[in-house]
Amino acid sequence: MGFRPNYNQQRAERNRAKQQKKQEKLKQQQEETARRKAAREEGPAEAVTLESDVNKVMMSNDAKR
């Protein structure tokens, strides 16, 4: 004869799994947020550099004419 189901233990296992999944999701969201913030901070500096490069090319093209 089999064991009787232990509903409290099963519910506790489900709740532990849910909590772990929530923690993993939260950690992933925080990592992505940090990555986006880092990219945003780097972005404007790169944009200025690209603008100055474009301006240099435009000026050199004008000088060649």
N, C-alpha and C. Protein backbone atom coordinates (compact mmCIF):
# COMPACT_ATOMS: atom_id res chain seq x y z
N MET A 1 0.84 -1.17 0.00
CA MET A 1 0.00 0.00 0.00
C MET A 1 0.89 1.24 0.00
N GLY A 2 0.50 2.26 -0.80
CA GLY A 2 1.30 3.46 -0.95
C GLY A 2 1.14 4.43 0.22
N PHE A 3 1.97 5.42 0.21
CA PHE A 3 1.89 6.45 1.24
C PHE A 3 0.74 7.40 0.95
N ARG A 4 0.20 7.95 2.01
CA ARG A 4 -0.82 8.98 1.85
C ARG A 4 -0.15 10.26 1.38
N PRO A 5 -0.81 11.02 0.51
CA PRO A 5 -0.20 12.27 0.05
C PRO A 5 -0.07 13.27 1.20
N ASN A 6 1.04 13.94 1.24
CA ASN A 6 1.27 14.97 2.25
C ASN A 6 1.08 16.32 1.56
N TYR A 7 -0.14 16.83 1.65
CA TYR A 7 -0.48 18.04 0.91
C TYR A 7 0.30 19.27 1.38
N ASN A 8 0.56 19.34 2.68
CA ASN A 8 1.33 20.49 3.19
C ASN A 8 2.74 20.49 2.61
N GLN A 9 3.35 19.33 2.54
CA GLN A 9 4.71 19.26 1.99
C GLN A 9 4.71 19.59 0.50
N GLN A 10 3.72 19.08 -0.23
CA GLN A 10 3.63 19.38 -1.66
C GLN A 10 3.42 20.87 -1.89
N ARG A 11 2.56 21.48 -1.08
CA ARG A 11 2.30 22.91 -1.22
C ARG A 11 3.56 23.71 -0.90
N ALA A 12 4.28 23.31 0.13
CA ALA A 12 5.53 24.00 0.50
C ALA A 12 6.55 23.89 -0.63
N GLU A 13 6.65 22.74 -1.27
CA GLU A 13 7.57 22.57 -2.40
C GLU A 13 7.17 23.47 -3.57
N ARG A 14 5.87 23.54 -3.85
CA ARG A 14 5.40 24.41 -4.93
C ARG A 14 5.70 25.87 -4.62
N ASN A 15 5.46 26.26 -3.37
CA ASN A 15 5.72 27.65 -2.98
C ASN A 15 7.21 27.97 -3.05
N ARG A 16 8.07 27.03 -2.67
CA ARG A 16 9.51 27.24 -2.77
C ARG A 16 9.92 27.40 -4.22
N ALA A 17 9.37 26.58 -5.10
CA ALA A 17 9.70 26.67 -6.52
C ALA A 17 9.23 28.01 -7.10
N LYS A 18 8.04 28.46 -6.70
CA LYS A 18 7.52 29.75 -7.16
C LYS A 18 8.41 30.89 -6.70
N GLN A 19 8.80 30.85 -5.44
CA GLN A 19 9.63 31.91 -4.88
C GLN A 19 11.00 31.95 -5.58
N GLN A 20 11.56 30.79 -5.84
CA GLN A 20 12.85 30.73 -6.53
C GLN A 20 12.73 31.30 -7.94
N LYS A 21 11.65 30.96 -8.64
CA LYS A 21 11.43 31.46 -9.98
C LYS A 21 11.28 32.99 -9.96
N LYS A 22 10.56 33.52 -8.98
CA LYS A 22 10.41 34.97 -8.86
C LYS A 22 11.75 35.64 -8.63
N GLN A 23 12.58 35.05 -7.77
CA GLN A 23 13.89 35.62 -7.47
C GLN A 23 14.78 35.63 -8.72
N GLU A 24 14.76 34.54 -9.49
CA GLU A 24 15.55 34.47 -10.71
C GLU A 24 15.09 35.52 -11.72
N LYS A 25 13.79 35.69 -11.84
CA LYS A 25 13.24 36.66 -12.77
C LYS A 25 13.63 38.08 -12.34
N LEU A 26 13.54 38.37 -11.05
CA LEU A 26 13.91 39.68 -10.54
C LEU A 26 15.39 39.95 -10.78
N LYS A 27 16.23 38.96 -10.55
CA LYS A 27 17.67 39.12 -10.76
C LYS A 27 17.96 39.40 -12.23
N GLN A 28 17.28 38.67 -13.13
CA GLN A 28 17.48 38.88 -14.56
C GLN A 28 17.03 40.29 -14.97
N GLN A 29 15.92 40.75 -14.42
CA GLN A 29 15.44 42.10 -14.74
C GLN A 29 16.44 43.15 -14.26
N GLN A 30 17.00 42.95 -13.06
CA GLN A 30 17.96 43.91 -12.53
C GLN A 30 19.22 43.94 -13.39
N GLU A 31 19.67 42.77 -13.85
CA GLU A 31 20.85 42.72 -14.71
C GLU A 31 20.61 43.44 -16.03
N GLU A 32 19.43 43.23 -16.61
CA GLU A 32 19.11 43.90 -17.87
C GLU A 32 18.99 45.40 -17.68
N THR A 33 18.43 45.82 -16.55
CA THR A 33 18.32 47.25 -16.26
C THR A 33 19.71 47.87 -16.14
N ALA A 34 20.59 47.18 -15.43
CA ALA A 34 21.96 47.68 -15.27
C ALA A 34 22.66 47.76 -16.62
N ARG A 35 22.45 46.76 -17.48
CA ARG A 35 23.07 46.76 -18.80
C ARG A 35 22.55 47.93 -19.65
N ARG A 36 21.23 48.18 -19.58
CA ARG A 36 20.65 49.30 -20.34
C ARG A 36 21.17 50.63 -19.83
N LYS A 37 21.29 50.77 -18.51
CA LYS A 37 21.80 52.01 -17.95
C LYS A 37 23.24 52.24 -18.38
N ALA A 38 24.05 51.18 -18.37
CA ALA A 38 25.45 51.31 -18.80
C ALA A 38 25.52 51.70 -20.27
N ALA A 39 24.66 51.10 -21.09
CA ALA A 39 24.65 51.42 -22.52
C ALA A 39 24.18 52.85 -22.74
N ARG A 40 23.24 53.30 -21.94
CA ARG A 40 22.74 54.66 -22.09
C ARG A 40 23.82 55.68 -21.70
N GLU A 41 24.60 55.35 -20.66
CA GLU A 41 25.67 56.26 -20.25
C GLU A 41 26.78 56.30 -21.30
N GLU A 42 27.05 55.18 -21.94
CA GLU A 42 28.07 55.14 -22.99
C GLU A 42 27.56 55.77 -24.28
N GLY A 43 26.27 55.66 -24.54
CA GLY A 43 25.67 56.12 -25.78
C GLY A 43 25.95 57.56 -26.15
N PRO A 44 25.66 58.54 -25.29
CA PRO A 44 25.88 59.94 -25.68
C PRO A 44 27.34 60.25 -26.01
N ALA A 45 28.27 59.66 -25.28
CA ALA A 45 29.69 59.90 -25.57
C ALA A 45 30.03 59.37 -26.95
N GLU A 46 29.50 58.21 -27.29
CA GLU A 46 29.75 57.66 -28.62
C GLU A 46 29.09 58.52 -29.69
N ALA A 47 27.91 59.04 -29.41
CA ALA A 47 27.21 59.86 -30.38
C ALA A 47 28.01 61.13 -30.68
N VAL A 48 28.58 61.74 -29.65
CA VAL A 48 29.38 62.94 -29.85
C VAL A 48 30.60 62.60 -30.69
N THR A 49 31.23 61.47 -30.40
CA THR A 49 32.40 61.05 -31.16
C THR A 49 32.02 60.81 -32.62
N LEU A 50 30.89 60.16 -32.84
CA LEU A 50 30.45 59.91 -34.21
C LEU A 50 30.14 61.20 -34.94
N GLU A 51 29.52 62.15 -34.24
CA GLU A 51 29.21 63.44 -34.88
C GLU A 51 30.48 64.15 -35.27
N SER A 52 31.47 64.14 -34.41
CA SER A 52 32.73 64.83 -34.73
C SER A 52 33.41 64.14 -35.90
N ASP A 53 33.34 62.80 -35.96
CA ASP A 53 33.92 62.07 -37.09
C ASP A 53 33.21 62.43 -38.39
N VAL A 54 31.89 62.52 -38.34
CA VAL A 54 31.12 62.87 -39.53
C VAL A 54 31.48 64.28 -39.97
N ASN A 55 31.59 65.19 -39.00
CA ASN A 55 31.96 66.57 -39.34
C ASN A 55 33.34 66.64 -39.98
N LYS A 56 34.28 65.86 -39.49
CA LYS A 56 35.63 65.84 -40.07
C LYS A 56 35.59 65.35 -41.51
N VAL A 57 34.81 64.32 -41.76
CA VAL A 57 34.71 63.78 -43.11
C VAL A 57 34.07 64.80 -44.04
N MET A 58 33.02 65.45 -43.54
CA MET A 58 32.34 66.46 -44.36
C MET A 58 33.28 67.61 -44.69
N MET A 59 34.06 68.05 -43.70
CA MET A 59 34.99 69.15 -43.92
C MET A 59 36.08 68.75 -44.90
N SER A 60 36.57 67.52 -44.78
CA SER A 60 37.61 67.08 -45.70
C SER A 60 37.06 66.96 -47.13
N ASN A 61 35.81 66.54 -47.26
CA ASN A 61 35.19 66.46 -48.58
C ASN A 61 35.01 67.85 -49.18
N ASP A 62 34.67 68.84 -48.35
CA ASP A 62 34.53 70.22 -48.83
C ASP A 62 35.88 70.78 -49.24
N ALA A 63 36.92 70.42 -48.52
CA ALA A 63 38.26 70.93 -48.83
C ALA A 63 38.77 70.35 -50.15
N LYS A 64 38.34 69.16 -50.50
CA LYS A 64 38.78 68.51 -51.73
C LYS A 64 38.15 69.16 -52.96
N ARG A 65 37.02 69.78 -52.78
CA ARG A 65 36.29 70.37 -53.93
C ARG A 65 36.90 71.60 -54.39
